[in-house]
Amino acid sequence: MIFEKYLPGQPPDAAHRALYAMMRDFDIGKSYADMMRHRISGKAADACFDVYYVAHEQEMAYSRLWMGWGRHSDAIGNWGNFYTDEAFRGQGLGRRLLDLWYEDLQGMADAPLCFLCTTGSPWVTELYAQYGFRPIFTERQYGPLYKPVGNSPATFDDFCKAYYRPSAALYWRRAEIAYRHEIDCLLRFVYAKRGLPFGFDGLDSMEAGILYCPDRVGMLFSEDGHCVGWSFDDTVQLHPAYTSATIGDKAFPPVILH
């Protein structure tokens, strides 16, 4: 068994072919599966830094793990897509990949501010806890999960206080895949903690908008360059701290918090 990593955008090799074959029938949510295949293919390599860790043999993948973030300052990392073929579970393949990822992370100079991921399983949460992940909902024993990187605050709540700094004005621009994690992970989890519904009628994630209707989806930035909200047609969803901010010269309805 070979344990190695593949960075999309590099020339295809055995790890890439094995990984792509494994992901061909991956169907846990259409937009998420399509986004993973889009990133593996290298189509987002100019905008996103992605790494896939793969256990493979004879161009067949048996376990995988992924991390990724946008190529911009103060990026939010997404982590996971962790899977081991049922016939190979209990053999330590996934653990080897986790250790490879963790070793890589220690030496990264351009790592994101944090990693976010989801899991509905207490035992997986316990496994990820060994690598620094903690539940965002302190009353739960499972995800979503937060892992600080570098000097970031130890808790999700404190991280959000530092990330969503005051801004009198917001600036709009067309949605880009590089900021998918700031919306579909960070902002989504903020809304979940506050008991607020995330998304719009007909669109439940920015990744789906970028893939299927890119001309209808936008992003909103604070004065310090943090992505703090998104739009779909003429509707906006923001972090609650910015509901009274002025939004550039683009007109939106006055009610902007779902």
Foldseek 3Di string as FASTA:
>chain_A
DDKDKDKAPDPDDLQLQQVLVVLVPDPPDVLVSVVVNCRSNNVCVVFKTKMKIFDDDPSHTFWIWMKMATPDPQIEMEIGPTDGHPVCPPVCPSVVSVVVVLVVLVPDPRDHQKYWYFDPDLVVLVVCVVSAWDALPNVDSGHRIIHGHDPADSHLVSNCPVQPDDAQEKEKDFDDPNRQCLQQPSVCVLCVVVVHQADDVVGRGVSCCVVPPRVQKMFMAGPVGRTFWMGGHQAIDGRVSCLNHHYPPDDHDSDHHD
